[in-house]
């Protein structure tokens, strides 16, 4: 949590959190809203996280090893 707070203070507009859930992963994309991050998109293994900002990309967390 501290790293996310420091990034918000530094005004970094996007924060991607990769979490390990047992043998799989999930992706949580947060965007800066004022002084705090809000969750913008989430994908678990077998789902695709598709975003257009800050740039266009897509990823299925199950592709992570």
C-alpha atoms as a PDB file:
ATOM      1  CA  UNK A   1       0.000   0.000   0.000  1.00  0.00           C
ATOM      2  CA  UNK A   2       2.864   2.390   0.735  1.00  0.00           C
ATOM      3  CA  UNK A   3       4.219   2.165  -2.820  1.00  0.00           C
ATOM      4  CA  UNK A   4       0.804   3.063  -4.265  1.00  0.00           C
ATOM      5  CA  UNK A   5       0.551   6.072  -1.925  1.00  0.00           C
ATOM      6  CA  UNK A   6       4.017   7.277  -2.921  1.00  0.00           C
ATOM      7  CA  UNK A   7       3.144   6.921  -6.619  1.00  0.00           C
ATOM      8  CA  UNK A   8      -0.014   8.973  -6.037  1.00  0.00           C
ATOM      9  CA  UNK A   9       2.019  11.705  -4.327  1.00  0.00           C
ATOM     10  CA  UNK A  10       4.355  11.666  -7.352  1.00  0.00           C
ATOM     11  CA  UNK A  11       1.235  12.076  -9.577  1.00  0.00           C
ATOM     12  CA  UNK A  12       1.918   8.907 -11.617  1.00  0.00           C
ATOM     13  CA  UNK A  13      -1.341   8.588 -13.585  1.00  0.00           C
ATOM     14  CA  UNK A  14      -1.572   4.764 -13.893  1.00  0.00           C
ATOM     15  CA  UNK A  15      -0.635   1.846 -11.638  1.00  0.00           C
ATOM     16  CA  UNK A  16      -0.757  -1.797 -12.740  1.00  0.00           C
ATOM     17  CA  UNK A  17      -0.843  -4.338  -9.944  1.00  0.00           C
ATOM     18  CA  UNK A  18      -0.008  -7.965 -10.792  1.00  0.00           C
ATOM     19  CA  UNK A  19      -1.181 -10.327  -8.057  1.00  0.00           C
ATOM     20  CA  UNK A  20      -0.378 -14.004  -7.718  1.00  0.00           C
ATOM     21  CA  UNK A  21      -3.459 -16.045  -6.814  1.00  0.00           C
ATOM     22  CA  UNK A  22      -2.053 -19.484  -6.026  1.00  0.00           C
ATOM     23  CA  UNK A  23      -0.904 -20.861  -9.392  1.00  0.00           C
ATOM     24  CA  UNK A  24      -2.515 -18.072 -11.429  1.00  0.00           C
ATOM     25  CA  UNK A  25      -2.322 -14.288 -11.672  1.00  0.00           C
ATOM     26  CA  UNK A  26      -4.704 -11.361 -11.806  1.00  0.00           C
ATOM     27  CA  UNK A  27      -4.198  -7.851 -13.143  1.00  0.00           C
ATOM     28  CA  UNK A  28      -5.623  -4.705 -11.558  1.00  0.00           C
ATOM     29  CA  UNK A  29      -5.233  -1.420 -13.377  1.00  0.00           C
ATOM     30  CA  UNK A  30      -5.671   1.706 -11.244  1.00  0.00           C
ATOM     31  CA  UNK A  31      -5.866   5.313 -12.437  1.00  0.00           C
ATOM     32  CA  UNK A  32      -5.103   8.387 -10.413  1.00  0.00           C
ATOM     33  CA  UNK A  33      -8.232  10.311  -9.405  1.00  0.00           C
ATOM     34  CA  UNK A  34      -7.236  13.405  -7.467  1.00  0.00           C
ATOM     35  CA  UNK A  35      -4.851  12.254  -4.744  1.00  0.00           C
ATOM     36  CA  UNK A  36      -5.863   8.560  -4.766  1.00  0.00           C
ATOM     37  CA  UNK A  37      -6.003   5.627  -7.151  1.00  0.00           C
ATOM     38  CA  UNK A  38      -9.287   4.066  -8.206  1.00  0.00           C
ATOM     39  CA  UNK A  39      -9.589   0.647  -9.777  1.00  0.00           C
ATOM     40  CA  UNK A  40     -10.157   1.065 -13.505  1.00  0.00           C
ATOM     41  CA  UNK A  41     -10.079  -2.540 -14.777  1.00  0.00           C
ATOM     42  CA  UNK A  42      -9.547  -6.078 -13.453  1.00  0.00           C
ATOM     43  CA  UNK A  43      -8.827  -9.407 -15.144  1.00  0.00           C
ATOM     44  CA  UNK A  44      -8.331 -12.837 -13.625  1.00  0.00           C
ATOM     45  CA  UNK A  45      -6.735 -15.831 -15.348  1.00  0.00           C
ATOM     46  CA  UNK A  46      -8.751 -16.744 -18.448  1.00  0.00           C
ATOM     47  CA  UNK A  47     -10.032 -13.167 -18.832  1.00  0.00           C
ATOM     48  CA  UNK A  48      -8.476 -10.431 -20.945  1.00  0.00           C
ATOM     49  CA  UNK A  49      -7.599  -7.034 -19.592  1.00  0.00           C
ATOM     50  CA  UNK A  50      -8.106  -4.674 -22.541  1.00  0.00           C
ATOM     51  CA  UNK A  51      -7.362  -0.986 -22.141  1.00  0.00           C
ATOM     52  CA  UNK A  52      -7.016   2.032 -24.394  1.00  0.00           C
ATOM     53  CA  UNK A  53      -5.316   4.345 -21.885  1.00  0.00           C
ATOM     54  CA  UNK A  54      -2.563   5.120 -21.149  1.00  0.00           C
ATOM     55  CA  UNK A  55      -1.972   3.160 -24.393  1.00  0.00           C
ATOM     56  CA  UNK A  56      -3.824   0.388 -26.249  1.00  0.00           C
ATOM     57  CA  UNK A  57      -2.961  -3.142 -25.049  1.00  0.00           C
ATOM     58  CA  UNK A  58      -4.554  -6.392 -23.938  1.00  0.00           C
ATOM     59  CA  UNK A  59      -3.362  -9.304 -21.829  1.00  0.00           C
ATOM     60  CA  UNK A  60      -4.704 -12.485 -20.280  1.00  0.00           C
ATOM     61  CA  UNK A  61      -3.077 -12.943 -16.840  1.00  0.00           C
ATOM     62  CA  UNK A  62      -2.798 -16.684 -17.516  1.00  0.00           C
ATOM     63  CA  UNK A  63      -0.053 -15.792 -20.043  1.00  0.00           C
ATOM     64  CA  UNK A  64       2.167 -14.816 -17.086  1.00  0.00           C
ATOM     65  CA  UNK A  65       4.448 -17.524 -15.804  1.00  0.00           C
END
